[in-house]
Amino acid sequence: MKAVTPKEAFNLCKEGAIILDIREDYLSAYKQFNIDLVLFVPKSKLQENLKSIPKGQLLIIADTSGIYSREVCNDLSEKGYNVCCLAGGFVEWERDGFPISINQKERLSGSCMCQLKARE
């Protein structure tokens, strides 16, 4: 499965590719891709939402760090979609300085992962 860097993905998006963000709600509510062509379909709801995913355009599959995107790429490719993976996921996209939006109302806080909750 082909993987693209954030820079390559950004340039492909300028040419009409769509980022398919498969992060779950709790992972994507605070920080999101801030480009025109983004489709948000959590991995857990992907199969039930296949009809909403266009087959005619290149899809760049993105998760948080690239762990699950390869699995989704393989699945969608077998179903006839034109796909590639965003290497390093959203973490690399943000690290490399590409556009993101931040919703401060969705920021989580807590002293450890087991105590994370939405800030008020």
Protein backbone atom coordinates (compact mmCIF):
# COMPACT_ATOMS: atom_id res chain seq x y z
CA MET A 1 0.00 0.00 0.00
CA LYS A 2 1.35 3.39 -0.95
CA ALA A 3 2.10 5.85 1.85
CA VAL A 4 2.46 9.58 1.30
CA THR A 5 4.17 12.18 3.47
CA PRO A 6 2.17 15.10 4.86
CA LYS A 7 3.71 17.37 2.22
CA GLU A 8 2.75 14.98 -0.58
CA ALA A 9 -0.74 14.64 0.91
CA PHE A 10 -1.15 18.41 1.12
CA ASN A 11 -0.15 18.78 -2.53
CA LEU A 12 -2.48 15.94 -3.58
CA CYS A 13 -5.33 17.68 -1.74
CA LYS A 14 -4.68 20.80 -3.80
CA GLU A 15 -5.28 18.57 -6.85
CA GLY A 16 -8.57 17.17 -5.54
CA ALA A 17 -7.63 14.28 -3.26
CA ILE A 18 -9.71 13.84 -0.12
CA ILE A 19 -8.33 13.15 3.34
CA LEU A 20 -10.45 10.42 4.92
CA ASP A 21 -9.98 10.98 8.66
CA ILE A 22 -10.74 7.68 10.40
CA ARG A 23 -9.97 8.84 13.95
CA GLU A 24 -12.69 8.23 16.49
CA ASP A 25 -14.68 11.23 17.75
CA TYR A 26 -12.78 11.53 21.01
CA LEU A 27 -9.47 11.69 19.10
CA SER A 28 -10.55 14.19 16.46
CA ALA A 29 -12.82 16.60 18.34
CA TYR A 30 -9.97 18.77 19.69
CA LYS A 31 -7.70 18.98 16.63
CA GLN A 32 -8.73 18.50 13.02
CA PHE A 33 -7.30 18.77 9.52
CA ASN A 34 -8.01 22.28 8.25
CA ILE A 35 -8.25 21.84 4.50
CA ASP A 36 -11.19 21.92 2.11
CA LEU A 37 -11.47 18.25 1.24
CA VAL A 38 -11.73 16.25 4.47
CA LEU A 39 -14.22 13.50 5.12
CA PHE A 40 -14.59 12.32 8.71
CA VAL A 41 -15.70 8.71 9.10
CA PRO A 42 -14.51 7.00 12.29
CA LYS A 43 -12.95 3.58 11.73
CA SER A 44 -15.60 1.98 13.95
CA LYS A 45 -18.35 3.29 11.64
CA LEU A 46 -16.60 2.87 8.30
CA GLN A 47 -18.46 -0.19 7.00
CA GLU A 48 -21.88 1.30 7.69
CA ASN A 49 -20.91 4.56 5.95
CA LEU A 50 -19.25 3.22 2.78
CA LYS A 51 -21.93 4.78 0.58
CA SER A 52 -20.88 8.25 1.75
CA ILE A 53 -17.28 7.71 0.62
CA PRO A 54 -16.66 8.69 -3.03
CA LYS A 55 -14.93 6.16 -5.28
CA GLY A 56 -13.96 8.61 -8.02
CA GLN A 57 -11.30 10.55 -6.13
CA LEU A 58 -8.04 9.63 -4.45
CA LEU A 59 -8.57 9.05 -0.73
CA ILE A 60 -5.73 9.69 1.68
CA ILE A 61 -6.49 7.58 4.74
CA ALA A 62 -5.43 9.27 7.97
CA ASP A 63 -5.58 8.25 11.60
CA THR A 64 -3.72 9.60 14.61
CA SER A 65 -0.28 8.12 13.95
CA GLY A 66 -0.63 5.76 10.99
CA ILE A 67 -1.32 2.58 12.95
CA TYR A 68 -4.79 1.78 11.55
CA SER A 69 -4.67 3.52 8.18
CA ARG A 70 -2.91 0.64 6.40
CA GLU A 71 -5.64 -1.80 7.43
CA VAL A 72 -8.34 0.58 6.19
CA CYS A 73 -6.40 1.23 2.97
CA ASN A 74 -6.25 -2.49 2.23
CA ASP A 75 -9.96 -2.93 2.95
CA LEU A 76 -11.05 0.02 0.81
CA SER A 77 -8.66 -0.91 -1.99
CA GLU A 78 -10.24 -4.38 -2.17
CA LYS A 79 -13.63 -2.64 -2.50
CA GLY A 80 -12.45 -0.62 -5.52
CA TYR A 81 -11.45 2.67 -3.88
CA ASN A 82 -8.34 4.60 -4.97
CA VAL A 83 -6.44 4.98 -1.69
CA CYS A 84 -3.12 5.72 -0.06
CA CYS A 85 -2.07 6.20 3.57
CA LEU A 86 -0.89 9.35 5.31
CA ALA A 87 2.47 8.35 6.77
CA GLY A 88 2.58 9.28 10.44
CA GLY A 89 -1.08 10.31 10.46
CA PHE A 90 -2.34 13.50 12.06
CA VAL A 91 0.67 13.64 14.40
CA GLU A 92 3.09 14.07 11.48
CA TRP A 93 0.71 16.43 9.65
CA GLU A 94 0.66 18.75 12.66
CA ARG A 95 4.38 18.37 13.37
CA ASP A 96 5.22 19.35 9.79
CA GLY A 97 3.18 22.55 10.13
CA PHE A 98 0.25 21.80 7.85
CA PRO A 99 -3.12 23.46 8.56
CA ILE A 100 -5.12 22.28 11.55
CA SER A 101 -8.03 23.72 13.48
CA ILE A 102 -8.37 23.53 17.25
CA ASN A 103 -11.60 23.43 19.23
CA GLN A 104 -10.61 24.50 22.76
CA LYS A 105 -13.96 23.28 24.12
CA GLU A 106 -12.92 19.71 23.28
CA ARG A 107 -9.52 19.83 25.00
CA LEU A 108 -9.01 17.02 27.48
CA SER A 109 -7.26 17.27 30.83
CA GLY A 110 -6.29 14.92 33.62
CA SER A 111 -3.24 13.67 35.44
CA CYS A 112 -3.14 10.39 33.51
CA MET A 113 -4.92 8.72 30.60
CA CYS A 114 -7.37 6.98 32.92
CA GLN A 115 -8.60 10.32 34.25
CA LEU A 116 -8.94 12.31 31.04
CA LYS A 117 -12.11 14.36 30.76
CA ALA A 118 -13.32 17.35 28.80
CA ARG A 119 -12.28 20.72 30.17
CA GLU A 120 -14.97 23.10 31.25
